[in-house]
Amino acid sequence: MLLKFTKIIPVIICLLLSAATYAQQVKEKVIDFLHLDNAALKEKYPYNERVKIKIININRFLYKVSSEKTETDFNIAVPSVLSGITLPAFINTTLPNAPGAAQAAKSFSPDAEKKAPGWKTDIEDNIKALVIIQTYLNKGVDIHNKVVDESKNCKVDATTVIKNVNGILLQFTSTAAGPANSDLADKIRQEIESKMNDMKVIASSIDAQFANWLATSLDEYRADIDPLKDNVGKYKSELAELQEELKPLKPGKIRTAKLEEIRSKEKEIRDEEVKIENKKEDRTNAVKEMTDNIATAKSLIAEIKKFNEEGKGYTLVEDIKKINPASYEYYTEEVKMTKDEVKFDISAKSEALLTCPVPNEQKFTVKLRTEGGIKLDFSTGLFFNFGNREFHGEEYFYETVDESHVRIRAKDPGSRIGLALGALMHIYKRSSAGFKVGGAVGASVTTDAGVNFHAGPSFILGDKERFCLSFGLTMREMKILDRQYYPDVEYETKAMPEEVSMIRKFPLFGSFVSFTYNFSQFGK
């Protein structure tokens, strides 16, 4: 038997833990900011339930939201009518409650075998790559503006905003449809970091590539122009020899063929010199073009670095990540339902003008009512007390029988109902229903300062403003005839006190019906 009990102990512990966990769960009262109505702003919860308000579709990119909580128990102030009441002195017993870390830049290793055209191609390819990076980043700025603009859309719900942002991001990344915005943000961050790393590689190599191009292109230029210069020197030397041959000859003796040979040699010199000038011009133009390209590359690098230094990539990624359901939700503080009513006065205010036809500031009140638990509160009103002649109090006087004897006689008051003003404390199960039944205890005061104590059932009609019908037992203290004397009995005059001897007695029992109320909430 002990073994079986030992086996079920873990099960019992799990059940107790589960029950405790469930009991600690916080209930959420969900309110749609885009569809506010009076019915949605009220709710009832069991006594001791833990509750918080969750507002959805409230665009916190636009609105600054605040809430103020008020917890109220209705009708719990002790009525002033009870403040001066004191208990009887005795009871007669003998009498009938940041961005991610960037990748390390790749190192640049010059290629000693590469020629000028190769270096030129590398530089041009790098410029194309920089243009692609800059275009990507400029598009990122444009996408960021669109994303931020869409995030502040006050016309649609959060689901639609997030979906629209997702569509905008898919235009920017190489990712197919499907991932959530936070995943796309990570993808964009990786792409930006990759492009920044590519820029760093280019920045670290561009000057060396330009220097290599200058050196190799100069070598190639010299390789082209030196033979031309040699040809010019050679042709000039040959021309000089021809001209020396003509000096001894008289003009009429110079043969036409020799003159043609000289002219041909002069043309060859001119042709080579033209080639040299063209090569020089080509070289000058090539250097200028490449210098301009390097300037363009450095300008692009500077702009890309500025994008990175200003944190635009980080801002883009962070702003995308902020566009999630939590940015369109607002939670009030948690409250434990122990009071009759918990009221949250909520304000949503936009500092900027909105693009949709709604007020810049919206205020609304959410009221949560507690159901269950024991409720103690008060009401005041009129009491009708019923009882026998002793309960209401009798008055006695001496009636002269003769010169030496008197008789104690009681005045005849007729039928009486005692009127009093007082208050009751009602004890009942807390509820917002319009009709409740409970118990009541209290006290009332009569015009002669007599105090009545009451207990009995109570029927409560209404909620904050209410009317209560109660009835039951009344106890009070009254003066009664001293027990050593009896009415209608003759006594010697000289043996009697000056006035009829009375004593106080408590309790005297009777009954009551009261009509009490709480109308203090009117006008609040």
Protein backbone atom coordinates (compact mmCIF):
# COMPACT_ATOMS: atom_id res chain seq x y z
CA MET A 1 0.00 0.00 0.00
CA LEU A 2 2.87 2.38 0.91
CA LEU A 3 4.58 1.52 -2.41
CA LYS A 4 1.48 2.44 -4.41
CA PHE A 5 1.14 5.74 -2.55
CA THR A 6 4.84 6.54 -3.24
CA LYS A 7 4.24 6.08 -6.99
CA ILE A 8 1.37 8.55 -7.12
CA ILE A 9 3.20 11.28 -5.15
CA PRO A 10 4.95 12.67 -8.34
CA VAL A 11 1.61 12.74 -10.12
CA ILE A 12 0.04 14.68 -7.29
CA ILE A 13 2.98 17.15 -7.27
CA CYS A 14 2.67 17.69 -11.06
CA LEU A 15 -1.05 18.30 -10.75
CA LEU A 16 -0.50 20.81 -7.95
CA LEU A 17 2.23 22.62 -9.93
CA SER A 18 0.02 22.70 -13.02
CA ALA A 19 -2.85 24.09 -11.02
CA ALA A 20 -0.57 26.73 -9.49
CA THR A 21 0.82 27.68 -12.93
CA TYR A 22 -2.65 27.94 -14.40
CA ALA A 23 -3.79 30.06 -11.49
CA GLN A 24 -0.86 32.46 -12.12
CA GLN A 25 -1.65 32.92 -15.80
CA VAL A 26 -2.53 36.49 -16.70
CA LYS A 27 -5.71 36.96 -18.69
CA GLU A 28 -5.63 39.53 -21.49
CA LYS A 29 -8.48 41.81 -22.35
CA VAL A 30 -7.92 42.49 -26.08
CA ILE A 31 -9.12 45.77 -27.58
CA ASP A 32 -8.83 46.69 -31.26
CA PHE A 33 -7.78 50.35 -31.51
CA LEU A 34 -9.22 50.57 -35.02
CA HIS A 35 -12.64 49.39 -33.86
CA LEU A 36 -13.41 50.94 -30.49
CA ASP A 37 -16.95 50.55 -29.18
CA ASN A 38 -18.54 50.69 -25.75
CA ALA A 39 -19.21 46.95 -25.59
CA ALA A 40 -15.51 46.18 -26.24
CA LEU A 41 -14.41 48.48 -23.42
CA LYS A 42 -16.10 46.47 -20.66
CA GLU A 43 -15.43 43.02 -19.24
CA LYS A 44 -16.05 40.91 -16.13
CA TYR A 45 -13.45 38.73 -14.40
CA PRO A 46 -13.51 36.37 -11.40
CA TYR A 47 -12.26 37.58 -8.04
CA ASN A 48 -8.43 37.34 -7.71
CA GLU A 49 -7.97 36.91 -11.48
CA ARG A 50 -4.79 38.54 -12.82
CA VAL A 51 -5.63 40.73 -15.83
CA LYS A 52 -3.98 43.21 -18.18
CA ILE A 53 -5.26 45.16 -21.16
CA LYS A 54 -3.78 44.41 -24.59
CA ILE A 55 -4.51 46.99 -27.28
CA ILE A 56 -3.90 45.78 -30.82
CA ASN A 57 -3.60 47.72 -34.09
CA ILE A 58 -2.37 50.81 -32.24
CA ASN A 59 0.46 52.26 -34.30
CA ARG A 60 3.12 53.21 -31.76
CA PHE A 61 5.23 54.76 -34.54
CA LEU A 62 2.49 57.41 -34.61
CA TYR A 63 0.99 57.42 -31.14
CA LYS A 64 2.49 57.94 -27.73
CA VAL A 65 0.32 55.77 -25.50
CA SER A 66 -0.21 56.15 -21.78
CA SER A 67 -2.63 54.66 -19.28
CA GLU A 68 -3.79 55.48 -15.78
CA LYS A 69 -5.27 52.82 -13.51
CA THR A 70 -7.96 53.41 -10.89
CA GLU A 71 -9.23 50.66 -8.59
CA THR A 72 -12.51 51.27 -6.82
CA ASP A 73 -14.70 49.55 -4.28
CA PHE A 74 -18.19 51.02 -4.35
CA ASN A 75 -20.05 52.26 -1.28
CA ILE A 76 -17.37 51.35 1.27
CA ALA A 77 -17.13 54.71 3.06
CA VAL A 78 -18.46 54.33 6.58
CA PRO A 79 -21.61 56.49 6.82
CA SER A 80 -21.30 59.47 9.15
CA VAL A 81 -24.43 58.38 10.92
CA LEU A 82 -22.36 55.56 12.45
CA SER A 83 -19.47 57.73 13.60
CA GLY A 84 -21.08 58.87 16.81
CA ILE A 85 -22.61 55.56 17.84
CA THR A 86 -21.20 53.84 20.89
CA LEU A 87 -22.04 50.43 22.29
CA PRO A 88 -24.03 50.06 25.47
CA ALA A 89 -21.92 49.95 28.58
CA PHE A 90 -23.07 46.48 29.49
CA ILE A 91 -25.42 43.61 28.65
CA ASN A 92 -27.93 42.65 31.22
CA THR A 93 -27.50 38.95 31.84
CA THR A 94 -29.51 38.41 34.99
CA LEU A 95 -32.63 40.27 34.01
CA PRO A 96 -35.44 38.78 32.11
CA ASN A 97 -11.69 42.85 8.29
CA ALA A 98 24.54 47.57 -33.57
CA PRO A 99 24.95 46.37 -35.98
CA GLY A 100 26.68 42.99 -36.51
CA ALA A 101 30.47 42.69 -36.72
CA ALA A 102 31.85 43.47 -40.22
CA GLN A 103 33.80 40.80 -42.06
CA ALA A 104 37.56 41.31 -42.30
CA ALA A 105 38.52 43.01 -45.59
CA LYS A 106 40.21 40.76 -48.12
CA SER A 107 43.87 41.62 -48.72
CA PHE A 108 45.07 42.92 -52.10
CA SER A 109 47.96 41.11 -53.76
CA PRO A 110 49.45 42.85 -56.83
CA ASP A 111 50.00 40.68 -59.92
CA ALA A 112 53.51 41.36 -61.16
CA GLU A 113 52.82 39.68 -64.51
CA LYS A 114 49.73 41.73 -65.32
CA LYS A 115 49.95 44.29 -68.12
CA ALA A 116 48.37 47.74 -68.41
CA PRO A 117 45.16 46.49 -70.13
CA GLY A 118 44.67 44.05 -67.29
CA TRP A 119 45.09 46.76 -64.66
CA LYS A 120 42.72 48.99 -66.62
CA THR A 121 40.13 46.23 -66.71
CA ASP A 122 40.52 45.69 -62.96
CA ILE A 123 40.02 49.40 -62.26
CA GLU A 124 37.00 49.61 -64.57
CA ASP A 125 35.53 46.48 -62.98
CA ASN A 126 36.05 47.98 -59.54
CA ILE A 127 34.30 51.18 -60.61
CA LYS A 128 31.39 49.12 -61.95
CA ALA A 129 31.29 47.23 -58.64
CA LEU A 130 31.29 50.52 -56.70
CA VAL A 131 28.48 51.85 -58.86
CA ILE A 132 26.50 48.68 -58.16
CA ILE A 133 27.16 49.03 -54.41
CA GLN A 134 26.16 52.70 -54.43
CA THR A 135 23.04 51.95 -56.46
CA TYR A 136 22.15 49.21 -53.97
CA LEU A 137 22.65 51.53 -51.00
CA ASN A 138 20.71 54.37 -52.64
CA LYS A 139 17.91 51.92 -53.26
CA GLY A 140 18.23 50.93 -49.61
CA VAL A 141 17.67 54.56 -48.58
CA ASP A 142 14.62 54.70 -50.85
CA ILE A 143 13.35 51.38 -49.46
CA HIS A 144 13.96 52.65 -45.92
CA ASN A 145 11.86 55.74 -46.61
CA LYS A 146 9.07 53.56 -48.03
CA VAL A 147 9.25 51.17 -45.08
CA VAL A 148 9.13 53.99 -42.52
CA ASP A 149 6.27 55.62 -44.40
CA GLU A 150 4.32 52.35 -44.51
CA SER A 151 5.04 51.67 -40.83
CA LYS A 152 3.11 54.86 -40.02
CA ASN A 153 0.06 53.83 -42.02
CA CYS A 154 -2.91 54.64 -39.80
CA LYS A 155 -5.58 53.36 -42.18
CA VAL A 156 -4.99 49.61 -41.94
CA ASP A 157 -4.37 46.98 -39.27
CA ALA A 158 -0.95 45.75 -38.12
CA THR A 159 -1.14 42.53 -40.18
CA THR A 160 -1.63 44.52 -43.38
CA VAL A 161 1.20 46.96 -42.55
CA ILE A 162 3.63 44.10 -41.87
CA LYS A 163 2.57 42.35 -45.07
CA ASN A 164 3.04 45.54 -47.10
CA VAL A 165 6.49 46.10 -45.59
CA ASN A 166 7.39 42.52 -46.47
CA GLY A 167 6.47 43.23 -50.09
CA ILE A 168 8.66 46.35 -50.13
CA LEU A 169 11.63 44.45 -48.68
CA LEU A 170 11.36 41.67 -51.23
CA GLN A 171 12.03 44.33 -53.90
CA PHE A 172 15.35 45.06 -52.20
CA THR A 173 16.71 41.61 -51.43
CA SER A 174 17.48 38.62 -53.57
CA THR A 175 15.31 36.47 -51.31
CA ALA A 176 12.17 34.78 -52.54
CA ALA A 177 8.85 35.46 -50.81
CA GLY A 178 8.33 33.76 -47.49
CA PRO A 179 10.67 34.98 -44.71
CA ALA A 180 9.42 37.24 -41.95
CA ASN A 181 10.51 40.88 -41.89
CA SER A 182 13.05 40.24 -39.11
CA ASP A 183 14.65 37.50 -41.24
CA LEU A 184 14.71 39.80 -44.25
CA ALA A 185 16.33 42.47 -42.07
CA ASP A 186 19.09 40.01 -41.17
CA LYS A 187 19.47 39.13 -44.85
CA ILE A 188 19.77 42.83 -45.75
CA ARG A 189 22.29 43.36 -42.94
CA GLN A 190 24.41 40.51 -44.34
CA GLU A 191 24.18 41.92 -47.87
CA ILE A 192 25.16 45.42 -46.68
CA GLU A 193 28.09 44.02 -44.70
CA SER A 194 29.20 42.02 -47.75
CA LYS A 195 29.06 45.11 -49.95
CA MET A 196 30.90 47.16 -47.37
CA ASN A 197 33.59 44.50 -47.29
CA ASP A 198 33.79 44.61 -51.11
CA MET A 199 34.18 48.38 -50.91
CA LYS A 200 37.01 48.03 -48.40
CA VAL A 201 38.81 45.59 -50.68
CA ILE A 202 38.47 48.01 -53.60
CA ALA A 203 39.51 50.98 -51.45
CA SER A 204 42.59 49.14 -50.27
CA SER A 205 43.63 48.16 -53.82
CA ILE A 206 42.59 51.05 -56.07
CA ASP A 207 45.71 53.21 -55.51
CA ALA A 208 48.03 50.26 -56.09
CA GLN A 209 46.11 49.28 -59.22
CA PHE A 210 46.40 52.83 -60.53
CA ALA A 211 50.13 52.91 -59.75
CA ASN A 212 50.60 49.56 -61.49
CA TRP A 213 48.64 50.77 -64.48
CA LEU A 214 50.74 53.95 -64.66
CA ALA A 215 53.93 51.94 -64.51
CA THR A 216 52.94 49.20 -66.96
CA SER A 217 51.22 51.61 -69.36
CA LEU A 218 54.33 53.82 -69.30
CA ASP A 219 56.46 50.79 -70.14
CA GLU A 220 54.12 49.91 -72.97
CA TYR A 221 54.08 53.53 -74.13
CA ARG A 222 57.85 53.60 -74.17
CA ALA A 223 57.96 50.25 -75.92
CA ASP A 224 55.76 51.75 -78.64
CA ILE A 225 57.36 55.19 -78.93
CA ASP A 226 61.07 54.31 -78.66
CA PRO A 227 61.16 52.41 -81.99
CA LEU A 228 59.41 55.36 -83.62
CA LYS A 229 62.00 57.74 -82.20
CA ASP A 230 64.74 55.40 -83.40
CA ASN A 231 63.17 55.40 -86.88
CA VAL A 232 63.08 59.19 -86.91
CA GLY A 233 66.76 59.33 -85.95
CA LYS A 234 67.60 56.73 -88.55
CA TYR A 235 65.60 58.49 -91.26
CA LYS A 236 67.09 61.85 -90.40
CA SER A 237 70.57 60.34 -90.66
CA GLU A 238 69.76 58.80 -94.04
CA LEU A 239 68.27 62.10 -95.18
CA ALA A 240 71.45 63.92 -94.16
CA GLU A 241 73.56 61.48 -96.21
CA LEU A 242 71.36 62.05 -99.26
CA GLN A 243 71.61 65.77 -98.82
CA GLU A 244 75.44 65.53 -98.55
CA GLU A 245 75.51 63.62 -101.84
CA LEU A 246 73.70 66.50 -103.56
CA LYS A 247 75.98 69.29 -102.36
CA PRO A 248 78.81 68.82 -105.03
CA LEU A 249 76.29 68.63 -107.85
CA LYS A 250 75.08 71.62 -109.78
CA PRO A 251 71.32 72.11 -109.85
CA GLY A 252 71.00 71.01 -113.43
CA LYS A 253 72.94 67.81 -112.75
CA ILE A 254 70.65 66.52 -109.86
CA ARG A 255 68.69 63.57 -110.98
CA THR A 256 64.97 63.42 -110.44
CA ALA A 257 65.19 60.00 -108.83
CA LYS A 258 67.50 61.33 -106.14
CA LEU A 259 65.16 64.17 -105.37
CA GLU A 260 62.24 61.73 -105.09
CA GLU A 261 64.30 59.63 -102.68
CA ILE A 262 64.90 62.66 -100.47
CA ARG A 263 61.23 63.61 -100.55
CA SER A 264 60.30 60.02 -99.62
CA LYS A 265 62.71 60.07 -96.70
CA GLU A 266 61.34 63.39 -95.48
CA LYS A 267 57.82 61.90 -95.62
CA GLU A 268 58.90 58.88 -93.62
CA ILE A 269 60.29 61.21 -90.95
CA ARG A 270 57.06 63.21 -90.88
CA ASP A 271 54.98 60.03 -90.66
CA GLU A 272 56.98 58.72 -87.74
CA GLU A 273 56.79 62.06 -85.97
CA VAL A 274 53.01 62.10 -86.45
CA LYS A 275 52.88 58.63 -84.93
CA ILE A 276 54.94 59.84 -81.99
CA GLU A 277 52.64 62.80 -81.41
CA ASN A 278 49.61 60.51 -81.65
CA LYS A 279 51.16 58.16 -79.12
CA LYS A 280 51.87 61.07 -76.81
CA GLU A 281 48.31 62.33 -77.17
CA ASP A 282 46.93 58.83 -76.58
CA ARG A 283 49.10 58.54 -73.50
CA THR A 284 47.97 61.90 -72.17
CA ASN A 285 44.32 61.04 -72.80
CA ALA A 286 44.70 57.58 -71.24
CA VAL A 287 46.30 59.03 -68.11
CA LYS A 288 43.57 61.68 -67.87
CA GLU A 289 40.85 59.09 -68.36
CA MET A 290 42.34 56.80 -65.76
CA THR A 291 42.90 59.68 -63.34
CA ASP A 292 39.24 60.66 -63.77
CA ASN A 293 38.23 57.03 -63.18
CA ILE A 294 40.27 56.90 -59.99
CA ALA A 295 38.68 60.17 -58.85
CA THR A 296 35.25 58.68 -59.59
CA ALA A 297 36.17 55.52 -57.70
CA LYS A 298 37.36 57.51 -54.68
CA SER A 299 34.24 59.66 -54.77
CA LEU A 300 32.10 56.50 -54.77
CA ILE A 301 34.17 55.02 -51.95
CA ALA A 302 33.75 58.22 -49.92
CA GLU A 303 29.96 58.18 -50.40
CA ILE A 304 29.76 54.50 -49.47
CA LYS A 305 31.92 55.07 -46.40
CA LYS A 306 29.71 57.99 -45.41
CA PHE A 307 26.63 55.73 -45.69
CA ASN A 308 28.34 53.30 -43.35
CA GLU A 309 29.70 55.92 -40.93
CA GLU A 310 26.29 57.57 -40.61
CA GLY A 311 24.85 54.17 -39.66
CA LYS A 312 22.24 54.23 -42.41
CA GLY A 313 22.55 50.50 -42.94
CA TYR A 314 22.15 49.86 -39.21
CA THR A 315 19.19 52.24 -39.06
CA LEU A 316 17.54 50.51 -42.03
CA VAL A 317 17.90 47.07 -40.44
CA GLU A 318 16.78 48.25 -37.00
CA ASP A 319 13.78 50.12 -38.38
CA ILE A 320 12.73 47.02 -40.31
CA LYS A 321 13.00 44.88 -37.19
CA LYS A 322 10.86 47.36 -35.30
CA ILE A 323 8.03 46.71 -37.72
CA ASN A 324 6.63 43.70 -35.92
CA PRO A 325 3.37 42.96 -34.10
CA ALA A 326 4.77 44.27 -30.80
CA SER A 327 5.11 47.77 -32.31
CA TYR A 328 1.37 47.78 -32.92
CA GLU A 329 0.41 46.55 -29.46
CA TYR A 330 0.22 48.20 -26.07
CA TYR A 331 -0.05 46.50 -22.68
CA THR A 332 -1.25 48.15 -19.51
CA GLU A 333 0.13 47.13 -16.16
CA GLU A 334 -1.15 43.89 -14.66
CA VAL A 335 -3.87 44.11 -12.04
CA LYS A 336 -5.29 41.60 -9.59
CA MET A 337 -9.08 41.74 -9.51
CA THR A 338 -9.85 42.35 -5.86
CA LYS A 339 -11.80 45.61 -6.15
CA ASP A 340 -15.30 46.10 -7.57
CA GLU A 341 -14.04 47.95 -10.62
CA VAL A 342 -10.67 48.55 -12.24
CA LYS A 343 -10.67 51.43 -14.68
CA PHE A 344 -7.92 52.19 -17.19
CA ASP A 345 -8.00 55.66 -18.71
CA ILE A 346 -5.98 55.29 -21.92
CA SER A 347 -4.66 58.11 -24.09
CA ALA A 348 -3.09 57.78 -27.55
CA LYS A 349 -1.62 61.02 -28.86
CA SER A 350 0.24 61.76 -32.09
CA GLU A 351 2.58 64.75 -32.11
CA ALA A 352 2.50 64.88 -35.92
CA LEU A 353 -0.46 65.42 -38.22
CA LEU A 354 -1.96 62.14 -39.37
CA THR A 355 -2.61 61.16 -42.97
CA CYS A 356 -5.93 59.51 -42.18
CA PRO A 357 -9.16 61.14 -41.01
CA VAL A 358 -8.85 60.39 -37.29
CA PRO A 359 -8.15 62.70 -34.33
CA ASN A 360 -4.52 63.27 -33.34
CA GLU A 361 -5.47 62.34 -29.81
CA GLN A 362 -7.87 59.61 -28.78
CA LYS A 363 -8.94 58.88 -25.23
CA PHE A 364 -11.02 55.99 -24.00
CA THR A 365 -11.75 54.16 -20.76
CA VAL A 366 -11.69 50.41 -20.21
CA LYS A 367 -13.74 49.16 -17.25
CA LEU A 368 -13.14 45.75 -15.71
CA ARG A 369 -15.63 44.42 -13.16
CA THR A 370 -14.90 41.80 -10.52
CA GLU A 371 -17.29 38.91 -9.99
CA GLY A 372 -17.08 36.80 -6.83
CA GLY A 373 -15.40 37.13 -3.48
CA ILE A 374 -17.00 38.53 -0.36
CA LYS A 375 -18.12 42.14 -0.60
CA LEU A 376 -18.64 44.46 2.37
CA ASP A 377 -20.18 47.89 1.83
CA PHE A 378 -22.59 50.37 3.34
CA SER A 379 -25.86 52.12 2.72
CA THR A 380 -27.85 54.68 4.68
CA GLY A 381 -31.52 55.35 5.05
CA LEU A 382 -34.73 55.09 7.06
CA PHE A 383 -35.49 52.35 9.58
CA PHE A 384 -38.83 51.23 10.96
CA ASN A 385 -38.55 49.38 14.26
CA PHE A 386 -41.21 47.14 15.72
CA GLY A 387 -41.48 45.68 19.22
CA ASN A 388 -43.43 45.46 22.44
CA ARG A 389 -44.02 48.28 24.91
CA GLU A 390 -40.82 47.50 26.81
CA PHE A 391 -38.82 47.61 23.50
CA HIS A 392 -40.11 51.05 22.65
CA GLY A 393 -39.72 52.24 26.21
CA GLU A 394 -42.30 53.02 28.82
CA GLU A 395 -42.83 56.09 30.96
CA TYR A 396 -43.96 55.75 34.58
CA PHE A 397 -45.41 58.23 37.08
CA TYR A 398 -46.70 58.28 40.63
CA GLU A 399 -50.39 58.28 41.14
CA THR A 400 -51.49 59.52 44.59
CA VAL A 401 -53.66 57.08 46.35
CA ASP A 402 -53.94 59.03 49.62
CA GLU A 403 -51.76 61.32 51.74
CA SER A 404 -49.31 58.55 52.63
CA HIS A 405 -49.51 56.20 49.67
CA VAL A 406 -48.73 56.32 45.90
CA ARG A 407 -49.14 53.88 43.07
CA ILE A 408 -46.69 53.45 40.08
CA ARG A 409 -48.63 53.78 36.87
CA ALA A 410 -47.49 53.43 33.18
CA LYS A 411 -48.46 56.00 30.56
CA ASP A 412 -50.43 54.58 27.66
CA PRO A 413 -48.52 55.41 24.37
CA GLY A 414 -50.85 53.51 22.12
CA SER A 415 -49.52 51.46 19.14
CA ARG A 416 -46.04 52.60 18.05
CA ILE A 417 -43.49 52.09 15.23
CA GLY A 418 -40.00 53.38 16.00
CA LEU A 419 -38.47 55.67 13.33
CA ALA A 420 -34.69 56.00 13.02
CA LEU A 421 -31.94 57.08 10.60
CA GLY A 422 -29.05 54.67 10.23
CA ALA A 423 -26.72 52.62 8.12
CA LEU A 424 -26.16 49.00 7.26
CA MET A 425 -23.09 47.04 6.32
CA HIS A 426 -24.05 44.58 3.60
CA ILE A 427 -22.28 41.26 3.25
CA TYR A 428 -22.77 39.42 -0.05
CA LYS A 429 -21.07 37.83 -3.02
CA ARG A 430 -19.54 40.54 -5.21
CA SER A 431 -21.43 40.97 -8.47
CA SER A 432 -22.29 43.64 -11.02
CA ALA A 433 -25.79 42.21 -11.40
CA GLY A 434 -28.73 44.51 -10.80
CA PHE A 435 -30.19 42.32 -8.05
CA LYS A 436 -28.27 40.75 -5.17
CA VAL A 437 -29.14 39.05 -1.90
CA GLY A 438 -26.96 39.22 1.19
CA GLY A 439 -26.85 39.76 4.87
CA ALA A 440 -26.76 43.05 6.70
CA VAL A 441 -25.73 44.38 10.09
CA GLY A 442 -25.88 47.96 11.21
CA ALA A 443 -27.20 50.57 13.51
CA SER A 444 -29.67 53.41 13.57
CA VAL A 445 -30.28 56.40 15.79
CA THR A 446 -33.60 57.71 17.00
CA THR A 447 -34.52 61.29 17.73
CA ASP A 448 -34.08 60.70 21.43
CA ALA A 449 -30.44 59.53 20.78
CA GLY A 450 -31.36 55.95 21.33
CA VAL A 451 -29.29 53.44 19.38
CA ASN A 452 -30.66 50.38 17.61
CA PHE A 453 -28.53 47.49 16.36
CA HIS A 454 -29.77 45.49 13.37
CA ALA A 455 -29.10 42.17 11.66
CA GLY A 456 -30.94 40.35 8.92
CA PRO A 457 -31.20 39.58 5.19
CA SER A 458 -30.90 42.34 2.57
CA PHE A 459 -32.14 42.68 -1.02
CA ILE A 460 -29.99 45.01 -3.11
CA LEU A 461 -31.39 46.59 -6.26
CA GLY A 462 -28.87 48.33 -8.54
CA ASP A 463 -25.10 48.53 -8.68
CA LYS A 464 -23.19 51.73 -7.95
CA GLU A 465 -26.40 53.62 -7.37
CA ARG A 466 -28.75 51.32 -5.54
CA PHE A 467 -31.72 50.82 -3.23
CA CYS A 468 -31.65 48.22 -0.43
CA LEU A 469 -34.59 46.60 1.34
CA SER A 470 -33.61 44.90 4.58
CA PHE A 471 -35.42 43.42 7.54
CA GLY A 472 -34.66 41.33 10.60
CA LEU A 473 -33.77 41.56 14.23
CA THR A 474 -33.32 44.78 16.21
CA MET A 475 -31.57 45.07 19.56
CA ARG A 476 -31.60 48.16 21.67
CA GLU A 477 -31.05 49.54 25.15
CA MET A 478 -33.98 51.05 26.98
CA LYS A 479 -34.91 52.15 30.48
CA ILE A 480 -37.26 49.82 32.27
CA LEU A 481 -38.89 49.91 35.67
CA ASP A 482 -36.61 49.00 38.52
CA ARG A 483 -37.26 45.33 39.26
CA GLN A 484 -37.88 46.00 42.89
CA TYR A 485 -40.97 47.93 41.97
CA TYR A 486 -44.12 46.91 40.20
CA PRO A 487 -46.76 48.91 38.42
CA ASP A 488 -50.19 49.30 39.89
CA VAL A 489 -48.92 48.45 43.36
CA GLU A 490 -49.31 50.84 46.30
CA TYR A 491 -46.21 52.02 48.14
CA GLU A 492 -45.68 54.34 51.08
CA THR A 493 -44.86 57.79 49.75
CA LYS A 494 -42.04 58.45 52.18
CA ALA A 495 -40.28 55.18 51.14
CA MET A 496 -40.26 56.01 47.41
CA PRO A 497 -37.60 58.02 45.46
CA GLU A 498 -38.54 61.44 44.18
CA GLU A 499 -38.99 60.03 40.63
CA VAL A 500 -39.94 56.57 39.55
CA SER A 501 -36.77 54.42 39.70
CA MET A 502 -35.67 53.19 36.23
CA ILE A 503 -32.76 50.95 35.13
CA ARG A 504 -31.13 50.37 31.71
CA LYS A 505 -31.51 47.05 30.00
CA PHE A 506 -29.69 45.66 26.95
CA PRO A 507 -30.58 43.89 24.82
CA LEU A 508 -34.22 44.35 24.20
CA PHE A 509 -35.29 42.56 21.04
CA GLY A 510 -37.57 43.73 18.30
CA SER A 511 -37.66 43.74 14.50
CA PHE A 512 -37.03 46.23 11.72
CA VAL A 513 -37.62 47.03 8.08
CA SER A 514 -35.22 49.48 6.42
CA PHE A 515 -35.12 51.32 3.11
CA THR A 516 -31.50 52.36 2.52
CA TYR A 517 -29.72 53.66 -0.55
CA ASN A 518 -26.51 54.85 -2.22
CA PHE A 519 -27.04 57.69 -4.67
CA SER A 520 -23.67 59.41 -4.19
CA GLN A 521 -22.44 58.26 -7.63
CA PHE A 522 -24.84 60.51 -9.47
CA GLY A 523 -23.07 63.31 -11.28
CA LYS A 524 -19.66 61.59 -11.13
